[in-house]
Amino acid sequence: MKVEQLTERLRRLVLERQSLRGRGASTADLERNRLEIVRRQWELSHALIESHNPEPLPLPQAA
């Protein structure tokens, strides 16, 4: 996924979490939402790193 898509998905998950909390959702529903937010944050951080450094760093050569 692209950075923009991940950002939008994360925004929607946060809005969903606010809605869940507002209506007194179960702990299990809140936990599922939290885990999905964590996954998307991880994906977003890696997508941002790749967008700024598309070439993998070379491994150090053994002496």
PDB file of N, CA and C in Angstrom:
ATOM      1  N   MET A   1       0.832  -1.178   0.000  1.00  0.00           N
ATOM      2  CA  MET A   1       0.000   0.000   0.000  1.00  0.00           C
ATOM      3  C   MET A   1       0.875   1.239   0.000  1.00  0.00           C
ATOM      4  N   LYS A   2       0.359   2.287  -0.594  1.00  0.00           N
ATOM      5  CA  LYS A   2       1.083   3.554  -0.614  1.00  0.00           C
ATOM      6  C   LYS A   2       0.907   4.286   0.717  1.00  0.00           C
ATOM      7  N   VAL A   3       1.802   5.241   0.950  1.00  0.00           N
ATOM      8  CA  VAL A   3       1.775   6.027   2.182  1.00  0.00           C
ATOM      9  C   VAL A   3       0.410   6.699   2.352  1.00  0.00           C
ATOM     10  N   GLU A   4      -0.110   7.284   1.282  1.00  0.00           N
ATOM     11  CA  GLU A   4      -1.390   7.991   1.358  1.00  0.00           C
ATOM     12  C   GLU A   4      -2.528   7.039   1.728  1.00  0.00           C
ATOM     13  N   GLN A   5      -2.517   5.859   1.156  1.00  0.00           N
ATOM     14  CA  GLN A   5      -3.559   4.870   1.460  1.00  0.00           C
ATOM     15  C   GLN A   5      -3.472   4.413   2.914  1.00  0.00           C
ATOM     16  N   LEU A   6      -2.264   4.177   3.376  1.00  0.00           N
ATOM     17  CA  LEU A   6      -2.076   3.743   4.763  1.00  0.00           C
ATOM     18  C   LEU A   6      -2.483   4.840   5.744  1.00  0.00           C
ATOM     19  N   THR A   7      -2.153   6.082   5.413  1.00  0.00           N
ATOM     20  CA  THR A   7      -2.529   7.207   6.266  1.00  0.00           C
ATOM     21  C   THR A   7      -4.044   7.314   6.370  1.00  0.00           C
ATOM     22  N   GLU A   8      -4.722   7.162   5.241  1.00  0.00           N
ATOM     23  CA  GLU A   8      -6.185   7.227   5.239  1.00  0.00           C
ATOM     24  C   GLU A   8      -6.786   6.069   6.029  1.00  0.00           C
ATOM     25  N   ARG A   9      -6.256   4.877   5.856  1.00  0.00           N
ATOM     26  CA  ARG A   9      -6.755   3.711   6.590  1.00  0.00           C
ATOM     27  C   ARG A   9      -6.557   3.904   8.093  1.00  0.00           C
ATOM     28  N   LEU A  10      -5.410   4.432   8.466  1.00  0.00           N
ATOM     29  CA  LEU A  10      -5.126   4.686   9.876  1.00  0.00           C
ATOM     30  C   LEU A  10      -6.086   5.736  10.440  1.00  0.00           C
ATOM     31  N   ARG A  11      -6.355   6.769   9.671  1.00  0.00           N
ATOM     32  CA  ARG A  11      -7.295   7.805  10.098  1.00  0.00           C
ATOM     33  C   ARG A  11      -8.678   7.204  10.361  1.00  0.00           C
ATOM     34  N   ARG A  12      -9.125   6.326   9.455  1.00  0.00           N
ATOM     35  CA  ARG A  12     -10.434   5.687   9.617  1.00  0.00           C
ATOM     36  C   ARG A  12     -10.472   4.778  10.850  1.00  0.00           C
ATOM     37  N   LEU A  13      -9.368   4.080  11.096  1.00  0.00           N
ATOM     38  CA  LEU A  13      -9.310   3.212  12.279  1.00  0.00           C
ATOM     39  C   LEU A  13      -9.384   4.020  13.574  1.00  0.00           C
ATOM     40  N   VAL A  14      -8.743   5.181  13.591  1.00  0.00           N
ATOM     41  CA  VAL A  14      -8.787   6.034  14.780  1.00  0.00           C
ATOM     42  C   VAL A  14     -10.206   6.560  14.989  1.00  0.00           C
ATOM     43  N   LEU A  15     -10.867   6.970  13.901  1.00  0.00           N
ATOM     44  CA  LEU A  15     -12.263   7.408  14.017  1.00  0.00           C
ATOM     45  C   LEU A  15     -13.154   6.271  14.510  1.00  0.00           C
ATOM     46  N   GLU A  16     -12.894   5.073  14.006  1.00  0.00           N
ATOM     47  CA  GLU A  16     -13.645   3.901  14.456  1.00  0.00           C
ATOM     48  C   GLU A  16     -13.431   3.674  15.949  1.00  0.00           C
ATOM     49  N   ARG A  17     -12.193   3.840  16.402  1.00  0.00           N
ATOM     50  CA  ARG A  17     -11.888   3.635  17.827  1.00  0.00           C
ATOM     51  C   ARG A  17     -12.647   4.640  18.682  1.00  0.00           C
ATOM     52  N   GLN A  18     -12.676   5.887  18.239  1.00  0.00           N
ATOM     53  CA  GLN A  18     -13.413   6.909  18.981  1.00  0.00           C
ATOM     54  C   GLN A  18     -14.895   6.547  19.064  1.00  0.00           C
ATOM     55  N   SER A  19     -15.434   6.049  17.967  1.00  0.00           N
ATOM     56  CA  SER A  19     -16.833   5.624  17.941  1.00  0.00           C
ATOM     57  C   SER A  19     -17.060   4.436  18.878  1.00  0.00           C
ATOM     58  N   LEU A  20     -16.148   3.468  18.837  1.00  0.00           N
ATOM     59  CA  LEU A  20     -16.259   2.301  19.714  1.00  0.00           C
ATOM     60  C   LEU A  20     -16.270   2.723  21.180  1.00  0.00           C
ATOM     61  N   ARG A  21     -15.359   3.609  21.530  1.00  0.00           N
ATOM     62  CA  ARG A  21     -15.273   4.061  22.925  1.00  0.00           C
ATOM     63  C   ARG A  21     -16.517   4.852  23.314  1.00  0.00           C
ATOM     64  N   GLY A  22     -17.009   5.660  22.379  1.00  0.00           N
ATOM     65  CA  GLY A  22     -18.185   6.481  22.650  1.00  0.00           C
ATOM     66  C   GLY A  22     -19.440   5.666  22.916  1.00  0.00           C
ATOM     67  N   ARG A  23     -19.528   4.527  22.271  1.00  0.00           N
ATOM     68  CA  ARG A  23     -20.736   3.714  22.473  1.00  0.00           C
ATOM     69  C   ARG A  23     -20.520   2.564  23.462  1.00  0.00           C
ATOM     70  N   GLY A  24     -19.390   2.584  24.150  1.00  0.00           N
ATOM     71  CA  GLY A  24     -19.141   1.591  25.199  1.00  0.00           C
ATOM     72  C   GLY A  24     -18.905   0.189  24.674  1.00  0.00           C
ATOM     73  N   ALA A  25     -18.116   0.080  23.610  1.00  0.00           N
ATOM     74  CA  ALA A  25     -17.819  -1.224  23.003  1.00  0.00           C
ATOM     75  C   ALA A  25     -17.089  -2.132  23.988  1.00  0.00           C
ATOM     76  N   SER A  26     -17.129  -3.410  23.694  1.00  0.00           N
ATOM     77  CA  SER A  26     -16.478  -4.399  24.559  1.00  0.00           C
ATOM     78  C   SER A  26     -14.958  -4.254  24.505  1.00  0.00           C
ATOM     79  N   THR A  27     -14.323  -4.789  25.520  1.00  0.00           N
ATOM     80  CA  THR A  27     -12.863  -4.798  25.571  1.00  0.00           C
ATOM     81  C   THR A  27     -12.287  -5.536  24.369  1.00  0.00           C
ATOM     82  N   ALA A  28     -12.928  -6.624  23.969  1.00  0.00           N
ATOM     83  CA  ALA A  28     -12.447  -7.411  22.821  1.00  0.00           C
ATOM     84  C   ALA A  28     -12.506  -6.590  21.535  1.00  0.00           C
ATOM     85  N   ASP A  29     -13.580  -5.831  21.328  1.00  0.00           N
ATOM     86  CA  ASP A  29     -13.691  -4.995  20.127  1.00  0.00           C
ATOM     87  C   ASP A  29     -12.634  -3.896  20.129  1.00  0.00           C
ATOM     88  N   LEU A  30     -12.423  -3.286  21.285  1.00  0.00           N
ATOM     89  CA  LEU A  30     -11.392  -2.247  21.392  1.00  0.00           C
ATOM     90  C   LEU A  30     -10.001  -2.828  21.140  1.00  0.00           C
ATOM     91  N   GLU A  31      -9.755  -4.022  21.637  1.00  0.00           N
ATOM     92  CA  GLU A  31      -8.445  -4.655  21.446  1.00  0.00           C
ATOM     93  C   GLU A  31      -8.219  -5.002  19.981  1.00  0.00           C
ATOM     94  N   ARG A  32      -9.244  -5.511  19.301  1.00  0.00           N
ATOM     95  CA  ARG A  32      -9.106  -5.800  17.866  1.00  0.00           C
ATOM     96  C   ARG A  32      -8.763  -4.533  17.092  1.00  0.00           C
ATOM     97  N   ASN A  33      -9.452  -3.454  17.428  1.00  0.00           N
ATOM     98  CA  ASN A  33      -9.197  -2.175  16.770  1.00  0.00           C
ATOM     99  C   ASN A  33      -7.781  -1.684  17.078  1.00  0.00           C
ATOM    100  N   ARG A  34      -7.360  -1.810  18.332  1.00  0.00           N
ATOM    101  CA  ARG A  34      -6.014  -1.370  18.722  1.00  0.00           C
ATOM    102  C   ARG A  34      -4.945  -2.127  17.953  1.00  0.00           C
ATOM    103  N   LEU A  35      -5.118  -3.440  17.840  1.00  0.00           N
ATOM    104  CA  LEU A  35      -4.137  -4.251  17.119  1.00  0.00           C
ATOM    105  C   LEU A  35      -4.082  -3.877  15.643  1.00  0.00           C
ATOM    106  N   GLU A  36      -5.220  -3.570  15.056  1.00  0.00           N
ATOM    107  CA  GLU A  36      -5.244  -3.147  13.654  1.00  0.00           C
ATOM    108  C   GLU A  36      -4.542  -1.800  13.488  1.00  0.00           C
ATOM    109  N   ILE A  37      -4.738  -0.897  14.438  1.00  0.00           N
ATOM    110  CA  ILE A  37      -4.040   0.391  14.400  1.00  0.00           C
ATOM    111  C   ILE A  37      -2.532   0.167  14.480  1.00  0.00           C
ATOM    112  N   VAL A  38      -2.099  -0.696  15.378  1.00  0.00           N
ATOM    113  CA  VAL A  38      -0.666  -0.990  15.527  1.00  0.00           C
ATOM    114  C   VAL A  38      -0.101  -1.554  14.225  1.00  0.00           C
ATOM    115  N   ARG A  39      -0.822  -2.496  13.603  1.00  0.00           N
ATOM    116  CA  ARG A  39      -0.352  -3.076  12.330  1.00  0.00           C
ATOM    117  C   ARG A  39      -0.201  -2.008  11.259  1.00  0.00           C
ATOM    118  N   ARG A  40      -1.198  -1.153  11.140  1.00  0.00           N
ATOM    119  CA  ARG A  40      -1.150  -0.099  10.119  1.00  0.00           C
ATOM    120  C   ARG A  40      -0.049   0.911  10.416  1.00  0.00           C
ATOM    121  N   GLN A  41       0.188   1.231  11.690  1.00  0.00           N
ATOM    122  CA  GLN A  41       1.286   2.139  12.031  1.00  0.00           C
ATOM    123  C   GLN A  41       2.627   1.527  11.631  1.00  0.00           C
ATOM    124  N   TRP A  42       2.766   0.225  11.862  1.00  0.00           N
ATOM    125  CA  TRP A  42       3.998  -0.469  11.484  1.00  0.00           C
ATOM    126  C   TRP A  42       4.171  -0.408   9.963  1.00  0.00           C
ATOM    127  N   GLU A  43       3.108  -0.724   9.225  1.00  0.00           N
ATOM    128  CA  GLU A  43       3.173  -0.678   7.763  1.00  0.00           C
ATOM    129  C   GLU A  43       3.492   0.729   7.274  1.00  0.00           C
ATOM    130  N   LEU A  44       2.862   1.734   7.891  1.00  0.00           N
ATOM    131  CA  LEU A  44       3.104   3.117   7.491  1.00  0.00           C
ATOM    132  C   LEU A  44       4.552   3.509   7.746  1.00  0.00           C
ATOM    133  N   SER A  45       5.095   3.147   8.884  1.00  0.00           N
ATOM    134  CA  SER A  45       6.485   3.510   9.173  1.00  0.00           C
ATOM    135  C   SER A  45       7.431   2.882   8.156  1.00  0.00           C
ATOM    136  N   HIS A  46       7.175   1.638   7.778  1.00  0.00           N
ATOM    137  CA  HIS A  46       8.029   0.986   6.785  1.00  0.00           C
ATOM    138  C   HIS A  46       7.830   1.581   5.391  1.00  0.00           C
ATOM    139  N   ALA A  47       6.611   1.953   5.059  1.00  0.00           N
ATOM    140  CA  ALA A  47       6.351   2.590   3.767  1.00  0.00           C
ATOM    141  C   ALA A  47       7.049   3.945   3.690  1.00  0.00           C
ATOM    142  N   LEU A  48       7.050   4.688   4.787  1.00  0.00           N
ATOM    143  CA  LEU A  48       7.735   5.982   4.806  1.00  0.00           C
ATOM    144  C   LEU A  48       9.243   5.807   4.663  1.00  0.00           C
ATOM    145  N   ILE A  49       9.797   4.827   5.351  1.00  0.00           N
ATOM    146  CA  ILE A  49      11.234   4.557   5.227  1.00  0.00           C
ATOM    147  C   ILE A  49      11.575   4.213   3.785  1.00  0.00           C
ATOM    148  N   GLU A  50      10.789   3.331   3.172  1.00  0.00           N
ATOM    149  CA  GLU A  50      11.042   2.941   1.782  1.00  0.00           C
ATOM    150  C   GLU A  50      10.897   4.117   0.828  1.00  0.00           C
ATOM    151  N   SER A  51       9.957   5.007   1.091  1.00  0.00           N
ATOM    152  CA  SER A  51       9.755   6.146   0.191  1.00  0.00           C
ATOM    153  C   SER A  51      10.932   7.114   0.237  1.00  0.00           C
ATOM    154  N   HIS A  52      11.641   7.146   1.350  1.00  0.00           N
ATOM    155  CA  HIS A  52      12.794   8.038   1.480  1.00  0.00           C
ATOM    156  C   HIS A  52      14.112   7.340   1.176  1.00  0.00           C
ATOM    157  N   ASN A  53      14.110   6.028   1.156  1.00  0.00           N
ATOM    158  CA  ASN A  53      15.323   5.266   0.879  1.00  0.00           C
ATOM    159  C   ASN A  53      14.938   4.008   0.101  1.00  0.00           C
ATOM    160  N   PRO A  54      14.608   4.159  -1.188  1.00  0.00           N
ATOM    161  CA  PRO A  54      14.132   3.008  -1.954  1.00  0.00           C
ATOM    162  C   PRO A  54      15.192   1.934  -2.195  1.00  0.00           C
ATOM    163  N   GLU A  55      16.453   2.282  -2.113  1.00  0.00           N
ATOM    164  CA  GLU A  55      17.537   1.321  -2.341  1.00  0.00           C
ATOM    165  C   GLU A  55      17.942   0.693  -1.012  1.00  0.00           C
ATOM    166  N   PRO A  56      17.977  -0.625  -0.920  1.00  0.00           N
ATOM    167  CA  PRO A  56      18.451  -1.237   0.327  1.00  0.00           C
ATOM    168  C   PRO A  56      19.920  -0.889   0.566  1.00  0.00           C
ATOM    169  N   LEU A  57      20.263  -0.723   1.822  1.00  0.00           N
ATOM    170  CA  LEU A  57      21.654  -0.414   2.154  1.00  0.00           C
ATOM    171  C   LEU A  57      22.527  -1.639   1.907  1.00  0.00           C
ATOM    172  N   PRO A  58      23.739  -1.431   1.384  1.00  0.00           N
ATOM    173  CA  PRO A  58      24.627  -2.577   1.158  1.00  0.00           C
ATOM    174  C   PRO A  58      25.107  -3.154   2.484  1.00  0.00           C
ATOM    175  N   LEU A  59      25.298  -4.453   2.493  1.00  0.00           N
ATOM    176  CA  LEU A  59      25.834  -5.109   3.684  1.00  0.00           C
ATOM    177  C   LEU A  59      27.332  -4.857   3.762  1.00  0.00           C
ATOM    178  N   PRO A  60      27.875  -4.713   4.971  1.00  0.00           N
ATOM    179  CA  PRO A  60      29.323  -4.508   5.102  1.00  0.00           C
ATOM    180  C   PRO A  60      30.079  -5.731   4.584  1.00  0.00           C
ATOM    181  N   GLN A  61      31.214  -5.480   3.968  1.00  0.00           N
ATOM    182  CA  GLN A  61      32.060  -6.551   3.444  1.00  0.00           C
ATOM    183  C   GLN A  61      32.917  -7.129   4.566  1.00  0.00           C
ATOM    184  N   ALA A  62      33.062  -8.445   4.569  1.00  0.00           N
ATOM    185  CA  ALA A  62      33.929  -9.102   5.551  1.00  0.00           C
ATOM    186  C   ALA A  62      35.383  -8.812   5.204  1.00  0.00           C
ATOM    187  N   ALA A  63      36.211  -8.682   6.227  1.00  0.00           N
ATOM    188  CA  ALA A  63      37.632  -8.362   5.998  1.00  0.00           C
ATOM    189  C   ALA A  63      38.408  -9.549   5.514  1.00  0.00           C
TER     190      ALA A  63
END
